[in-house]
Amino acid sequence: MAKKRISYTNILSKECIVSAILQLTKDKPLSSISVSELCNKAGVSRMTFYRNYDSIEDIFVKQLNEIFEEYKSDDIAQNTEGLYSDETHLIHYFNYIYTHKDFLNGLVHCGFDMFFLSMLTQYIIETWSFKSDEYTLISFAGSLYNMFRIWSKNNYSDNTDDMIATITRLYSR
């Protein structure tokens, strides 16, 4: 029982830290935020911070890893066949982006969006290499990433159907 409570507390602490870093980076550059300031804003101890992260930058990397692991699990749970560029997979992708838009916007704002592109590319290659060549998969990942960037820049004003239609036109054969 105690282990479950500690786990829940740790999850809550990490959520507070992520939320605090996103709030702080709206007002100041990441490089000027100290661990003490972050912990104070998050309401956690420095020990809690260092139990979960090696540095402030590590927050973005680990949170993005968690998002991608959850995305992979959801993708597997859907148990869909088809191709990486089909409507089912694109709906899943764009809905996922929208769900995590606040974190992803913070990631871009702090200059860590290349981690997103790298993880997205790795996931697409690992998942779909049996269906297509590496050049096509890398191009597809880049297209998804760049569409996310524009969508984010436009405050997610375009609907997902339009996003899907654009990508589908590019990759349908």
N, C-alpha and C. Protein backbone atom coordinates (compact mmCIF):
# COMPACT_ATOMS: atom_id res chain seq x y z
N MET A 1 0.81 -1.19 0.00
CA MET A 1 0.00 0.00 0.00
C MET A 1 0.86 1.26 0.00
N ALA A 2 1.89 1.30 0.80
CA ALA A 2 2.75 2.49 0.88
C ALA A 2 3.44 2.75 -0.46
N LYS A 3 3.81 1.68 -1.15
CA LYS A 3 4.48 1.84 -2.43
C LYS A 3 3.57 2.55 -3.44
N LYS A 4 2.29 2.23 -3.44
CA LYS A 4 1.34 2.85 -4.36
C LYS A 4 1.21 4.33 -4.05
N ARG A 5 1.17 4.69 -2.78
CA ARG A 5 1.07 6.09 -2.38
C ARG A 5 2.31 6.87 -2.79
N ILE A 6 3.47 6.27 -2.61
CA ILE A 6 4.71 6.91 -3.02
C ILE A 6 4.70 7.11 -4.53
N SER A 7 4.26 6.14 -5.27
CA SER A 7 4.19 6.24 -6.71
C SER A 7 3.26 7.37 -7.12
N TYR A 8 2.09 7.44 -6.52
CA TYR A 8 1.14 8.50 -6.82
C TYR A 8 1.74 9.86 -6.48
N THR A 9 2.39 9.95 -5.34
CA THR A 9 3.03 11.20 -4.92
C THR A 9 4.11 11.60 -5.91
N ASN A 10 4.87 10.63 -6.37
CA ASN A 10 5.93 10.92 -7.33
C ASN A 10 5.35 11.41 -8.66
N ILE A 11 4.28 10.79 -9.10
CA ILE A 11 3.62 11.22 -10.34
C ILE A 11 3.11 12.65 -10.18
N LEU A 12 2.48 12.92 -9.07
CA LEU A 12 1.96 14.26 -8.80
C LEU A 12 3.09 15.28 -8.74
N SER A 13 4.20 14.92 -8.12
CA SER A 13 5.35 15.82 -8.03
C SER A 13 5.90 16.13 -9.41
N LYS A 14 6.00 15.11 -10.27
CA LYS A 14 6.50 15.35 -11.62
C LYS A 14 5.55 16.23 -12.42
N GLU A 15 4.25 16.03 -12.24
CA GLU A 15 3.27 16.89 -12.92
C GLU A 15 3.41 18.34 -12.46
N CYS A 16 3.64 18.54 -11.18
CA CYS A 16 3.83 19.89 -10.65
C CYS A 16 5.10 20.53 -11.20
N ILE A 17 6.15 19.75 -11.33
CA ILE A 17 7.42 20.25 -11.86
C ILE A 17 7.25 20.64 -13.33
N VAL A 18 6.60 19.79 -14.11
CA VAL A 18 6.38 20.09 -15.52
C VAL A 18 5.53 21.35 -15.66
N SER A 19 4.48 21.43 -14.90
CA SER A 19 3.61 22.60 -14.94
C SER A 19 4.38 23.87 -14.57
N ALA A 20 5.19 23.78 -13.54
CA ALA A 20 5.97 24.94 -13.07
C ALA A 20 6.97 25.40 -14.12
N ILE A 21 7.65 24.46 -14.78
CA ILE A 21 8.65 24.88 -15.78
C ILE A 21 7.95 25.54 -16.96
N LEU A 22 6.79 25.05 -17.33
CA LEU A 22 6.05 25.66 -18.44
C LEU A 22 5.59 27.07 -18.07
N GLN A 23 5.17 27.26 -16.83
CA GLN A 23 4.76 28.59 -16.37
C GLN A 23 5.95 29.54 -16.32
N LEU A 24 7.05 29.07 -15.77
CA LEU A 24 8.23 29.93 -15.62
C LEU A 24 8.82 30.34 -16.96
N THR A 25 8.83 29.42 -17.92
CA THR A 25 9.45 29.75 -19.22
C THR A 25 8.60 30.70 -20.06
N LYS A 26 7.37 30.95 -19.65
CA LYS A 26 6.56 31.97 -20.33
C LYS A 26 7.09 33.37 -20.03
N ASP A 27 7.73 33.52 -18.87
CA ASP A 27 8.17 34.84 -18.43
C ASP A 27 9.67 35.07 -18.54
N LYS A 28 10.45 34.01 -18.64
CA LYS A 28 11.91 34.18 -18.66
C LYS A 28 12.57 33.04 -19.41
N PRO A 29 13.78 33.26 -19.87
CA PRO A 29 14.48 32.19 -20.59
C PRO A 29 14.81 31.02 -19.66
N LEU A 30 14.81 29.85 -20.25
CA LEU A 30 15.10 28.63 -19.49
C LEU A 30 16.45 28.74 -18.77
N SER A 31 17.42 29.33 -19.42
CA SER A 31 18.77 29.42 -18.86
C SER A 31 18.83 30.25 -17.57
N SER A 32 17.83 31.08 -17.33
CA SER A 32 17.85 31.90 -16.12
C SER A 32 17.00 31.33 -14.98
N ILE A 33 16.46 30.14 -15.17
CA ILE A 33 15.64 29.51 -14.14
C ILE A 33 16.51 28.56 -13.32
N SER A 34 16.50 28.74 -12.03
CA SER A 34 17.29 27.86 -11.15
C SER A 34 16.42 26.70 -10.66
N VAL A 35 17.08 25.67 -10.22
CA VAL A 35 16.38 24.52 -9.65
C VAL A 35 15.59 24.95 -8.41
N SER A 36 16.17 25.81 -7.61
CA SER A 36 15.48 26.29 -6.40
C SER A 36 14.21 27.05 -6.76
N GLU A 37 14.30 27.92 -7.76
CA GLU A 37 13.13 28.67 -8.20
C GLU A 37 12.05 27.73 -8.73
N LEU A 38 12.47 26.76 -9.51
CA LEU A 38 11.54 25.79 -10.07
C LEU A 38 10.86 24.99 -8.97
N CYS A 39 11.64 24.50 -8.02
CA CYS A 39 11.07 23.72 -6.92
C CYS A 39 10.10 24.54 -6.09
N ASN A 40 10.45 25.79 -5.85
CA ASN A 40 9.57 26.68 -5.11
C ASN A 40 8.24 26.85 -5.84
N LYS A 41 8.30 27.08 -7.14
CA LYS A 41 7.09 27.26 -7.95
C LYS A 41 6.25 25.96 -7.98
N ALA A 42 6.94 24.82 -8.06
CA ALA A 42 6.25 23.53 -8.13
C ALA A 42 5.76 23.04 -6.77
N GLY A 43 6.31 23.61 -5.69
CA GLY A 43 5.93 23.17 -4.35
C GLY A 43 6.53 21.83 -3.99
N VAL A 44 7.73 21.56 -4.50
CA VAL A 44 8.42 20.30 -4.19
C VAL A 44 9.82 20.62 -3.67
N SER A 45 10.43 19.64 -3.04
CA SER A 45 11.78 19.83 -2.52
C SER A 45 12.81 19.61 -3.63
N ARG A 46 14.01 20.12 -3.40
CA ARG A 46 15.11 19.87 -4.34
C ARG A 46 15.41 18.37 -4.41
N MET A 47 15.26 17.69 -3.29
CA MET A 47 15.49 16.24 -3.27
C MET A 47 14.50 15.55 -4.21
N THR A 48 13.25 15.97 -4.20
CA THR A 48 12.25 15.40 -5.10
C THR A 48 12.64 15.67 -6.54
N PHE A 49 13.07 16.89 -6.81
CA PHE A 49 13.50 17.23 -8.16
C PHE A 49 14.62 16.29 -8.62
N TYR A 50 15.68 16.20 -7.83
CA TYR A 50 16.84 15.39 -8.23
C TYR A 50 16.58 13.89 -8.20
N ARG A 51 15.56 13.46 -7.49
CA ARG A 51 15.19 12.05 -7.54
C ARG A 51 14.60 11.70 -8.92
N ASN A 52 14.03 12.70 -9.59
CA ASN A 52 13.38 12.48 -10.87
C ASN A 52 14.15 12.99 -12.08
N TYR A 53 14.97 14.00 -11.90
CA TYR A 53 15.64 14.65 -13.03
C TYR A 53 17.10 14.94 -12.72
N ASP A 54 17.91 14.93 -13.78
CA ASP A 54 19.33 15.27 -13.64
C ASP A 54 19.56 16.76 -13.81
N SER A 55 18.67 17.42 -14.55
CA SER A 55 18.80 18.86 -14.82
C SER A 55 17.43 19.40 -15.20
N ILE A 56 17.35 20.70 -15.32
CA ILE A 56 16.08 21.31 -15.75
C ILE A 56 15.73 20.85 -17.16
N GLU A 57 16.73 20.77 -18.03
CA GLU A 57 16.50 20.33 -19.40
C GLU A 57 15.96 18.90 -19.45
N ASP A 58 16.38 18.09 -18.50
CA ASP A 58 15.96 16.69 -18.42
C ASP A 58 14.44 16.56 -18.25
N ILE A 59 13.81 17.59 -17.71
CA ILE A 59 12.34 17.57 -17.55
C ILE A 59 11.69 17.37 -18.91
N PHE A 60 12.15 18.12 -19.90
CA PHE A 60 11.56 18.05 -21.24
C PHE A 60 11.79 16.69 -21.88
N VAL A 61 12.99 16.19 -21.75
CA VAL A 61 13.32 14.90 -22.36
C VAL A 61 12.50 13.77 -21.73
N LYS A 62 12.44 13.73 -20.42
CA LYS A 62 11.71 12.64 -19.75
C LYS A 62 10.20 12.75 -19.97
N GLN A 63 9.68 13.96 -19.95
CA GLN A 63 8.23 14.12 -20.18
C GLN A 63 7.88 13.72 -21.61
N LEU A 64 8.72 14.09 -22.56
CA LEU A 64 8.48 13.72 -23.95
C LEU A 64 8.56 12.20 -24.11
N ASN A 65 9.51 11.57 -23.42
CA ASN A 65 9.59 10.10 -23.44
C ASN A 65 8.30 9.48 -22.92
N GLU A 66 7.77 10.02 -21.83
CA GLU A 66 6.53 9.48 -21.27
C GLU A 66 5.37 9.65 -22.25
N ILE A 67 5.31 10.80 -22.90
CA ILE A 67 4.25 11.05 -23.89
C ILE A 67 4.36 10.05 -25.03
N PHE A 68 5.57 9.80 -25.52
CA PHE A 68 5.74 8.86 -26.63
C PHE A 68 5.45 7.42 -26.20
N GLU A 69 5.81 7.05 -24.99
CA GLU A 69 5.49 5.70 -24.52
C GLU A 69 3.97 5.51 -24.43
N GLU A 70 3.28 6.53 -23.96
CA GLU A 70 1.83 6.47 -23.89
C GLU A 70 1.23 6.41 -25.30
N TYR A 71 1.81 7.18 -26.22
CA TYR A 71 1.35 7.17 -27.61
C TYR A 71 1.51 5.78 -28.22
N LYS A 72 2.67 5.18 -27.99
CA LYS A 72 2.92 3.83 -28.51
C LYS A 72 1.93 2.83 -27.94
N SER A 73 1.68 2.91 -26.64
CA SER A 73 0.73 1.99 -26.01
C SER A 73 -0.67 2.17 -26.59
N ASP A 74 -1.08 3.41 -26.79
CA ASP A 74 -2.38 3.67 -27.40
C ASP A 74 -2.44 3.12 -28.81
N ASP A 75 -1.37 3.30 -29.56
CA ASP A 75 -1.32 2.82 -30.94
C ASP A 75 -1.44 1.29 -30.98
N ILE A 76 -0.74 0.63 -30.09
CA ILE A 76 -0.81 -0.84 -30.01
C ILE A 76 -2.21 -1.28 -29.56
N ALA A 77 -2.79 -0.56 -28.61
CA ALA A 77 -4.12 -0.91 -28.10
C ALA A 77 -5.19 -0.78 -29.19
N GLN A 78 -4.98 0.15 -30.11
CA GLN A 78 -5.94 0.31 -31.20
C GLN A 78 -5.90 -0.88 -32.15
N ASN A 79 -4.74 -1.55 -32.15
CA ASN A 79 -4.56 -2.77 -32.94
C ASN A 79 -5.02 -2.57 -34.39
N THR A 80 -4.58 -1.47 -34.97
CA THR A 80 -4.99 -1.17 -36.34
C THR A 80 -3.93 -1.63 -37.32
N GLU A 81 -4.41 -2.13 -38.40
CA GLU A 81 -3.53 -2.48 -39.52
C GLU A 81 -3.42 -1.24 -40.38
N GLY A 82 -3.03 -1.43 -41.60
CA GLY A 82 -2.99 -0.30 -42.52
C GLY A 82 -1.59 0.24 -42.69
N LEU A 83 -1.53 1.47 -43.11
CA LEU A 83 -0.26 2.12 -43.40
C LEU A 83 -0.11 3.32 -42.48
N TYR A 84 1.13 3.73 -42.26
CA TYR A 84 1.43 4.85 -41.37
C TYR A 84 0.66 6.12 -41.75
N SER A 85 0.34 6.30 -43.03
CA SER A 85 -0.31 7.53 -43.47
C SER A 85 -1.82 7.39 -43.64
N ASP A 86 -2.40 6.32 -43.09
CA ASP A 86 -3.85 6.17 -43.24
C ASP A 86 -4.59 7.04 -42.22
N GLU A 87 -5.87 7.20 -42.45
CA GLU A 87 -6.67 8.12 -41.65
C GLU A 87 -6.67 7.77 -40.17
N THR A 88 -6.76 6.50 -39.83
CA THR A 88 -6.80 6.08 -38.43
C THR A 88 -5.55 6.52 -37.68
N HIS A 89 -4.39 6.31 -38.29
CA HIS A 89 -3.14 6.69 -37.62
C HIS A 89 -2.97 8.20 -37.57
N LEU A 90 -3.41 8.89 -38.59
CA LEU A 90 -3.31 10.35 -38.60
C LEU A 90 -4.24 10.99 -37.58
N ILE A 91 -5.44 10.46 -37.44
CA ILE A 91 -6.36 10.97 -36.41
C ILE A 91 -5.72 10.79 -35.03
N HIS A 92 -5.17 9.61 -34.80
CA HIS A 92 -4.51 9.34 -33.52
C HIS A 92 -3.39 10.34 -33.28
N TYR A 93 -2.55 10.57 -34.27
CA TYR A 93 -1.41 11.49 -34.15
C TYR A 93 -1.88 12.91 -33.82
N PHE A 94 -2.78 13.45 -34.64
CA PHE A 94 -3.18 14.84 -34.44
C PHE A 94 -3.99 15.03 -33.15
N ASN A 95 -4.78 14.06 -32.78
CA ASN A 95 -5.49 14.14 -31.50
C ASN A 95 -4.50 14.11 -30.34
N TYR A 96 -3.48 13.31 -30.46
CA TYR A 96 -2.46 13.21 -29.41
C TYR A 96 -1.70 14.51 -29.27
N ILE A 97 -1.34 15.08 -30.42
CA ILE A 97 -0.65 16.38 -30.41
C ILE A 97 -1.52 17.41 -29.69
N TYR A 98 -2.78 17.44 -30.05
CA TYR A 98 -3.68 18.42 -29.46
C TYR A 98 -3.83 18.21 -27.94
N THR A 99 -3.92 16.98 -27.53
CA THR A 99 -4.03 16.66 -26.10
C THR A 99 -2.83 17.18 -25.31
N HIS A 100 -1.64 17.11 -25.92
CA HIS A 100 -0.40 17.50 -25.23
C HIS A 100 0.14 18.83 -25.73
N LYS A 101 -0.73 19.66 -26.28
CA LYS A 101 -0.29 20.90 -26.92
C LYS A 101 0.43 21.85 -25.96
N ASP A 102 0.00 21.96 -24.72
CA ASP A 102 0.65 22.88 -23.79
C ASP A 102 2.10 22.49 -23.56
N PHE A 103 2.33 21.21 -23.31
CA PHE A 103 3.70 20.76 -23.11
C PHE A 103 4.52 20.93 -24.39
N LEU A 104 3.96 20.53 -25.53
CA LEU A 104 4.69 20.62 -26.79
C LEU A 104 4.98 22.08 -27.16
N ASN A 105 4.07 22.98 -26.86
CA ASN A 105 4.35 24.40 -27.09
C ASN A 105 5.51 24.87 -26.23
N GLY A 106 5.54 24.43 -24.98
CA GLY A 106 6.66 24.76 -24.09
C GLY A 106 7.97 24.18 -24.60
N LEU A 107 7.90 22.97 -25.11
CA LEU A 107 9.07 22.31 -25.68
C LEU A 107 9.64 23.14 -26.84
N VAL A 108 8.77 23.60 -27.71
CA VAL A 108 9.18 24.44 -28.85
C VAL A 108 9.74 25.76 -28.34
N HIS A 109 9.02 26.37 -27.42
CA HIS A 109 9.42 27.67 -26.88
C HIS A 109 10.83 27.62 -26.28
N CYS A 110 11.17 26.51 -25.66
CA CYS A 110 12.48 26.38 -25.01
C CYS A 110 13.56 25.82 -25.94
N GLY A 111 13.18 25.55 -27.20
CA GLY A 111 14.18 25.10 -28.16
C GLY A 111 14.47 23.61 -28.12
N PHE A 112 13.58 22.82 -27.54
CA PHE A 112 13.80 21.38 -27.46
C PHE A 112 12.93 20.59 -28.44
N ASP A 113 12.39 21.27 -29.44
CA ASP A 113 11.50 20.60 -30.37
C ASP A 113 12.22 19.57 -31.24
N MET A 114 13.53 19.66 -31.36
CA MET A 114 14.26 18.65 -32.13
C MET A 114 14.18 17.28 -31.46
N PHE A 115 14.01 17.27 -30.14
CA PHE A 115 13.80 16.00 -29.44
C PHE A 115 12.50 15.36 -29.92
N PHE A 116 11.49 16.19 -30.12
CA PHE A 116 10.21 15.69 -30.61
C PHE A 116 10.39 15.09 -32.01
N LEU A 117 11.05 15.82 -32.89
CA LEU A 117 11.29 15.31 -34.25
C LEU A 117 12.08 14.01 -34.21
N SER A 118 13.09 13.95 -33.39
CA SER A 118 13.92 12.75 -33.28
C SER A 118 13.11 11.55 -32.80
N MET A 119 12.32 11.73 -31.76
CA MET A 119 11.52 10.63 -31.22
C MET A 119 10.43 10.21 -32.20
N LEU A 120 9.82 11.17 -32.87
CA LEU A 120 8.79 10.87 -33.85
C LEU A 120 9.39 10.06 -35.01
N THR A 121 10.54 10.49 -35.49
CA THR A 121 11.21 9.78 -36.59
C THR A 121 11.58 8.37 -36.17
N GLN A 122 12.16 8.23 -35.00
CA GLN A 122 12.54 6.91 -34.49
C GLN A 122 11.32 6.00 -34.38
N TYR A 123 10.23 6.53 -33.84
CA TYR A 123 9.01 5.73 -33.69
C TYR A 123 8.48 5.28 -35.04
N ILE A 124 8.42 6.17 -36.00
CA ILE A 124 7.89 5.83 -37.32
C ILE A 124 8.76 4.79 -38.00
N ILE A 125 10.06 4.95 -37.92
CA ILE A 125 10.97 3.97 -38.54
C ILE A 125 10.82 2.61 -37.86
N GLU A 126 10.83 2.59 -36.53
CA GLU A 126 10.71 1.32 -35.80
C GLU A 126 9.38 0.62 -36.09
N THR A 127 8.33 1.39 -36.20
CA THR A 127 6.99 0.82 -36.35
C THR A 127 6.67 0.42 -37.78
N TRP A 128 7.17 1.16 -38.75
CA TRP A 128 6.72 0.98 -40.12
C TRP A 128 7.81 0.57 -41.11
N SER A 129 8.98 0.23 -40.67
CA SER A 129 10.06 -0.10 -41.61
C SER A 129 9.75 -1.32 -42.47
N PHE A 130 8.84 -2.17 -42.00
CA PHE A 130 8.47 -3.35 -42.80
C PHE A 130 7.51 -2.98 -43.93
N LYS A 131 6.96 -1.76 -43.91
CA LYS A 131 5.99 -1.35 -44.93
C LYS A 131 6.54 -0.34 -45.93
N SER A 132 7.68 0.29 -45.61
CA SER A 132 8.19 1.33 -46.49
C SER A 132 9.69 1.51 -46.28
N ASP A 133 10.30 2.23 -47.21
CA ASP A 133 11.75 2.47 -47.11
C ASP A 133 12.03 3.63 -46.15
N GLU A 134 13.26 3.68 -45.70
CA GLU A 134 13.67 4.66 -44.69
C GLU A 134 13.50 6.10 -45.17
N TYR A 135 13.81 6.38 -46.42
CA TYR A 135 13.67 7.74 -46.93
C TYR A 135 12.22 8.23 -46.86
N THR A 136 11.31 7.37 -47.25
CA THR A 136 9.88 7.74 -47.21
C THR A 136 9.43 7.96 -45.77
N LEU A 137 9.86 7.07 -44.87
CA LEU A 137 9.46 7.20 -43.47
C LEU A 137 10.02 8.45 -42.82
N ILE A 138 11.27 8.77 -43.12
CA ILE A 138 11.87 9.98 -42.57
C ILE A 138 11.17 11.22 -43.13
N SER A 139 10.85 11.18 -44.41
CA SER A 139 10.12 12.29 -45.02
C SER A 139 8.75 12.46 -44.38
N PHE A 140 8.09 11.34 -44.12
CA PHE A 140 6.78 11.37 -43.49
C PHE A 140 6.88 11.97 -42.08
N ALA A 141 7.87 11.54 -41.32
CA ALA A 141 8.07 12.08 -39.97
C ALA A 141 8.32 13.58 -40.04
N GLY A 142 9.14 14.01 -40.97
CA GLY A 142 9.40 15.44 -41.13
C GLY A 142 8.14 16.21 -41.50
N SER A 143 7.32 15.61 -42.34
CA SER A 143 6.05 16.26 -42.71
C SER A 143 5.15 16.41 -41.48
N LEU A 144 5.02 15.36 -40.70
CA LEU A 144 4.19 15.43 -39.49
C LEU A 144 4.72 16.49 -38.53
N TYR A 145 6.04 16.49 -38.35
CA TYR A 145 6.66 17.46 -37.45
C TYR A 145 6.41 18.88 -37.92
N ASN A 146 6.63 19.14 -39.21
CA ASN A 146 6.46 20.50 -39.73
C ASN A 146 5.00 20.93 -39.71
N MET A 147 4.10 20.00 -39.93
CA MET A 147 2.67 20.33 -39.81
C MET A 147 2.34 20.69 -38.36
N PHE A 148 2.90 19.94 -37.42
CA PHE A 148 2.71 20.27 -36.01
C PHE A 148 3.21 21.68 -35.72
N ARG A 149 4.39 22.03 -36.22
CA ARG A 149 4.96 23.35 -35.96
C ARG A 149 4.06 24.47 -36.49
N ILE A 150 3.55 24.31 -37.70
CA ILE A 150 2.67 25.33 -38.27
C ILE A 150 1.34 25.38 -37.51
N TRP A 151 0.81 24.20 -37.21
CA TRP A 151 -0.43 24.11 -36.46
C TRP A 151 -0.29 24.80 -35.11
N SER A 152 0.82 24.55 -34.44
CA SER A 152 1.11 25.17 -33.16
C SER A 152 1.23 26.69 -33.31
N LYS A 153 1.98 27.11 -34.32
CA LYS A 153 2.16 28.55 -34.57
C LYS A 153 0.82 29.24 -34.82
N ASN A 154 -0.09 28.54 -35.46
CA ASN A 154 -1.42 29.08 -35.76
C ASN A 154 -2.42 28.83 -34.63
N ASN A 155 -1.91 28.49 -33.47
CA ASN A 155 -2.74 28.26 -32.27
C ASN A 155 -3.78 27.16 -32.47
N TYR A 156 -3.45 26.15 -33.26
CA TYR A 156 -4.30 24.99 -33.47
C TYR A 156 -5.67 25.38 -34.05
N SER A 157 -5.67 26.46 -34.84
CA SER A 157 -6.93 26.96 -35.40
C SER A 157 -7.47 26.07 -36.52
N ASP A 158 -6.61 25.35 -37.23
CA ASP A 158 -7.08 24.42 -38.26
C ASP A 158 -7.63 23.17 -37.59
N ASN A 159 -8.67 22.61 -38.17
CA ASN A 159 -9.21 21.39 -37.56
C ASN A 159 -8.40 20.17 -38.05
N THR A 160 -8.52 19.10 -37.30
CA THR A 160 -7.73 17.91 -37.60
C THR A 160 -8.09 17.31 -38.95
N ASP A 161 -9.33 17.45 -39.38
CA ASP A 161 -9.71 16.92 -40.70
C ASP A 161 -8.92 17.59 -41.81
N ASP A 162 -8.72 18.90 -41.71
CA ASP A 162 -7.92 19.60 -42.72
C ASP A 162 -6.46 19.15 -42.68
N MET A 163 -5.95 18.95 -41.50
CA MET A 163 -4.56 18.49 -41.34
C MET A 163 -4.41 17.11 -41.99
N ILE A 164 -5.35 16.24 -41.71
CA ILE A 164 -5.31 14.88 -42.25
C ILE A 164 -5.44 14.90 -43.76
N ALA A 165 -6.32 15.74 -44.28
CA ALA A 165 -6.50 15.83 -45.73
C ALA A 165 -5.22 16.27 -46.41
N THR A 166 -4.52 17.21 -45.82
CA THR A 166 -3.26 17.70 -46.39
C THR A 166 -2.22 16.59 -46.44
N ILE A 167 -2.02 15.91 -45.36
CA ILE A 167 -1.02 14.83 -45.30
C ILE A 167 -1.42 13.69 -46.22
N THR A 168 -2.69 13.38 -46.25
CA THR A 168 -3.17 12.28 -47.10
C THR A 168 -2.90 12.57 -48.57
N ARG A 169 -3.12 13.81 -48.97
CA ARG A 169 -2.82 14.19 -50.37
C ARG A 169 -1.35 13.97 -50.69
N LEU A 170 -0.50 14.22 -49.74
CA LEU A 170 0.95 14.08 -49.96
C LEU A 170 1.39 12.61 -50.07
N TYR A 171 0.78 11.75 -49.24
CA TYR A 171 1.30 10.39 -49.12
C TYR A 171 0.41 9.30 -49.67
N SER A 172 -0.76 9.63 -50.19
CA SER A 172 -1.59 8.57 -50.75
C SER A 172 -1.08 8.19 -52.13
N ARG A 173 -1.07 6.91 -52.39
CA ARG A 173 -0.57 6.41 -53.68
C ARG A 173 -1.52 5.40 -54.22
